[in-house]
Amino acid sequence: MTRVDFTRLISALLIEMSRQGENPIADFLKRSDEEQKRLYDQGLSKCDGINNVSMHQRGKALDIYFVEDGVLGPPKKGYDFWHEIWVNWGGEPAISWDEGHFEAK
């Protein structure tokens, strides 16, 4: 999947989330090598950004969070629901330890 394909698909997912009453917030679309290394060093990523490059560094992953009444929380329909749609549309399956992560195939 190219970055253009990913951008189109993730945009459609965000629109569908909103259409179904969710309040998604997009975060960490594109990371620099330095930002990826910082997250790795803090134990927030399993990709060091050098030997194991994150799809965020390639612009092919987006972290999606949800807000309700100004507070972050899980999506109303659940992460499994949204990941199933994402996979059916051609995206990668969910990562068990990072449920807000949506990645290109």
C-alpha atoms as a PDB file:
ATOM      1  CA  MET A   1       0.000   0.000   0.000  1.00  0.00           C
ATOM      2  CA  THR A   2       1.439   3.380  -0.979  1.00  0.00           C
ATOM      3  CA  ARG A   3       1.301   6.464   1.247  1.00  0.00           C
ATOM      4  CA  VAL A   4      -1.395   7.862  -1.035  1.00  0.00           C
ATOM      5  CA  ASP A   5      -3.445   4.670  -0.681  1.00  0.00           C
ATOM      6  CA  PHE A   6      -2.939   4.728   3.092  1.00  0.00           C
ATOM      7  CA  THR A   7      -3.966   8.389   3.299  1.00  0.00           C
ATOM      8  CA  ARG A   8      -7.157   7.709   1.367  1.00  0.00           C
ATOM      9  CA  LEU A   9      -8.010   4.627   3.413  1.00  0.00           C
ATOM     10  CA  ILE A  10      -7.274   6.133   6.841  1.00  0.00           C
ATOM     11  CA  SER A  11      -9.235   9.260   5.878  1.00  0.00           C
ATOM     12  CA  ALA A  12     -12.215   7.075   4.965  1.00  0.00           C
ATOM     13  CA  LEU A  13     -11.896   5.276   8.309  1.00  0.00           C
ATOM     14  CA  LEU A  14     -11.851   8.543  10.273  1.00  0.00           C
ATOM     15  CA  ILE A  15     -14.906   9.756   8.352  1.00  0.00           C
ATOM     16  CA  GLU A  16     -16.717   6.460   9.013  1.00  0.00           C
ATOM     17  CA  MET A  17     -15.854   6.674  12.710  1.00  0.00           C
ATOM     18  CA  SER A  18     -17.304  10.179  12.866  1.00  0.00           C
ATOM     19  CA  ARG A  19     -20.341   9.149  10.830  1.00  0.00           C
ATOM     20  CA  GLN A  20     -21.055   6.397  13.365  1.00  0.00           C
ATOM     21  CA  GLY A  21     -20.911   8.774  16.336  1.00  0.00           C
ATOM     22  CA  GLU A  22     -17.284   8.403  17.409  1.00  0.00           C
ATOM     23  CA  ASN A  23     -14.990  11.339  18.171  1.00  0.00           C
ATOM     24  CA  PRO A  24     -11.612  10.231  16.788  1.00  0.00           C
ATOM     25  CA  ILE A  25      -8.363  12.124  17.285  1.00  0.00           C
ATOM     26  CA  ALA A  26      -5.479  11.425  14.893  1.00  0.00           C
ATOM     27  CA  ASP A  27      -1.962  11.307  16.330  1.00  0.00           C
ATOM     28  CA  PHE A  28       1.550  10.272  15.252  1.00  0.00           C
ATOM     29  CA  LEU A  29       1.072   9.976  11.498  1.00  0.00           C
ATOM     30  CA  LYS A  30       4.694  10.703  10.544  1.00  0.00           C
ATOM     31  CA  ARG A  31       7.617  10.332  12.933  1.00  0.00           C
ATOM     32  CA  SER A  32      11.207  11.353  12.503  1.00  0.00           C
ATOM     33  CA  ASP A  33      13.954   8.830  13.220  1.00  0.00           C
ATOM     34  CA  GLU A  34      14.801  10.805  16.361  1.00  0.00           C
ATOM     35  CA  GLU A  35      11.207  10.790  17.642  1.00  0.00           C
ATOM     36  CA  GLN A  36      10.937   7.049  16.994  1.00  0.00           C
ATOM     37  CA  LYS A  37      14.187   6.399  18.915  1.00  0.00           C
ATOM     38  CA  ARG A  38      12.945   8.550  21.814  1.00  0.00           C
ATOM     39  CA  LEU A  39       9.704   6.531  22.032  1.00  0.00           C
ATOM     40  CA  TYR A  40      11.681   3.292  21.853  1.00  0.00           C
ATOM     41  CA  ASP A  41      14.025   4.441  24.624  1.00  0.00           C
ATOM     42  CA  GLN A  42      10.987   5.254  26.788  1.00  0.00           C
ATOM     43  CA  GLY A  43       9.561   1.772  26.207  1.00  0.00           C
ATOM     44  CA  LEU A  44       6.609   3.147  24.216  1.00  0.00           C
ATOM     45  CA  SER A  45       7.507   1.405  20.957  1.00  0.00           C
ATOM     46  CA  LYS A  46       9.104  -1.877  19.978  1.00  0.00           C
ATOM     47  CA  CYS A  47      10.704  -0.240  16.934  1.00  0.00           C
ATOM     48  CA  ASP A  48      14.045   1.479  17.547  1.00  0.00           C
ATOM     49  CA  GLY A  49      13.746   3.497  14.337  1.00  0.00           C
ATOM     50  CA  ILE A  50      17.103   2.303  12.995  1.00  0.00           C
ATOM     51  CA  ASN A  51      17.277  -1.499  12.840  1.00  0.00           C
ATOM     52  CA  ASN A  52      13.523  -1.916  13.186  1.00  0.00           C
ATOM     53  CA  VAL A  53      11.800   0.936  11.351  1.00  0.00           C
ATOM     54  CA  SER A  54       8.255   1.867  12.358  1.00  0.00           C
ATOM     55  CA  MET A  55       5.507   2.296   9.792  1.00  0.00           C
ATOM     56  CA  HIS A  56       5.024   5.732  11.380  1.00  0.00           C
ATOM     57  CA  GLN A  57       8.452   6.693  10.025  1.00  0.00           C
ATOM     58  CA  ARG A  58       7.204   5.724   6.572  1.00  0.00           C
ATOM     59  CA  GLY A  59       3.952   7.667   6.976  1.00  0.00           C
ATOM     60  CA  LYS A  60       1.911   4.460   6.787  1.00  0.00           C
ATOM     61  CA  ALA A  61       0.529   4.237  10.324  1.00  0.00           C
ATOM     62  CA  LEU A  62      -1.736   6.413  12.413  1.00  0.00           C
ATOM     63  CA  ASP A  63      -2.590   6.248  16.085  1.00  0.00           C
ATOM     64  CA  ILE A  64      -6.269   6.998  16.655  1.00  0.00           C
ATOM     65  CA  TYR A  65      -7.600   7.976  20.065  1.00  0.00           C
ATOM     66  CA  PHE A  66     -11.146   8.824  21.077  1.00  0.00           C
ATOM     67  CA  VAL A  67     -12.591  11.601  23.182  1.00  0.00           C
ATOM     68  CA  GLU A  68     -15.955  11.947  24.888  1.00  0.00           C
ATOM     69  CA  ASP A  69     -16.863  15.075  26.859  1.00  0.00           C
ATOM     70  CA  GLY A  70     -13.232  16.192  26.704  1.00  0.00           C
ATOM     71  CA  VAL A  71     -11.866  12.940  28.150  1.00  0.00           C
ATOM     72  CA  LEU A  72      -9.829  10.308  26.303  1.00  0.00           C
ATOM     73  CA  GLY A  73     -11.253   6.816  26.404  1.00  0.00           C
ATOM     74  CA  PRO A  74     -12.084   3.800  24.288  1.00  0.00           C
ATOM     75  CA  PRO A  75     -14.276   4.105  21.207  1.00  0.00           C
ATOM     76  CA  LYS A  76     -17.984   3.610  21.807  1.00  0.00           C
ATOM     77  CA  LYS A  77     -18.036   0.636  19.433  1.00  0.00           C
ATOM     78  CA  GLY A  78     -14.738  -0.765  20.729  1.00  0.00           C
ATOM     79  CA  TYR A  79     -11.341  -1.093  19.131  1.00  0.00           C
ATOM     80  CA  ASP A  80     -12.092  -4.592  17.816  1.00  0.00           C
ATOM     81  CA  PHE A  81     -15.016  -3.203  15.803  1.00  0.00           C
ATOM     82  CA  TRP A  82     -12.847  -0.558  14.124  1.00  0.00           C
ATOM     83  CA  HIS A  83      -9.927  -2.870  13.499  1.00  0.00           C
ATOM     84  CA  GLU A  84     -12.234  -5.387  11.837  1.00  0.00           C
ATOM     85  CA  ILE A  85     -13.413  -2.681   9.436  1.00  0.00           C
ATOM     86  CA  TRP A  86      -9.798  -1.590   8.875  1.00  0.00           C
ATOM     87  CA  VAL A  87      -8.674  -5.140   8.025  1.00  0.00           C
ATOM     88  CA  ASN A  88     -11.692  -5.697   5.755  1.00  0.00           C
ATOM     89  CA  TRP A  89     -10.716  -2.520   3.881  1.00  0.00           C
ATOM     90  CA  GLY A  90      -7.144  -3.727   3.399  1.00  0.00           C
ATOM     91  CA  GLY A  91      -5.245  -2.620   6.513  1.00  0.00           C
ATOM     92  CA  GLU A  92      -3.077  -4.646   8.879  1.00  0.00           C
ATOM     93  CA  PRO A  93      -4.618  -6.420  11.879  1.00  0.00           C
ATOM     94  CA  ALA A  94      -4.477  -4.807  15.319  1.00  0.00           C
ATOM     95  CA  ILE A  95      -1.360  -4.969  17.453  1.00  0.00           C
ATOM     96  CA  SER A  96      -2.384  -6.467  20.796  1.00  0.00           C
ATOM     97  CA  TRP A  97      -0.336  -4.047  22.910  1.00  0.00           C
ATOM     98  CA  ASP A  98      -1.255  -0.907  20.883  1.00  0.00           C
ATOM     99  CA  GLU A  99      -4.972  -0.984  20.103  1.00  0.00           C
ATOM    100  CA  GLY A 100      -5.108   2.602  18.817  1.00  0.00           C
ATOM    101  CA  HIS A 101      -2.541   1.822  16.093  1.00  0.00           C
ATOM    102  CA  PHE A 102      -3.832   1.508  12.514  1.00  0.00           C
ATOM    103  CA  GLU A 103      -1.242   0.463   9.924  1.00  0.00           C
ATOM    104  CA  ALA A 104      -1.024  -0.031   6.152  1.00  0.00           C
ATOM    105  CA  LYS A 105      -0.662  -3.506   4.708  1.00  0.00           C
END
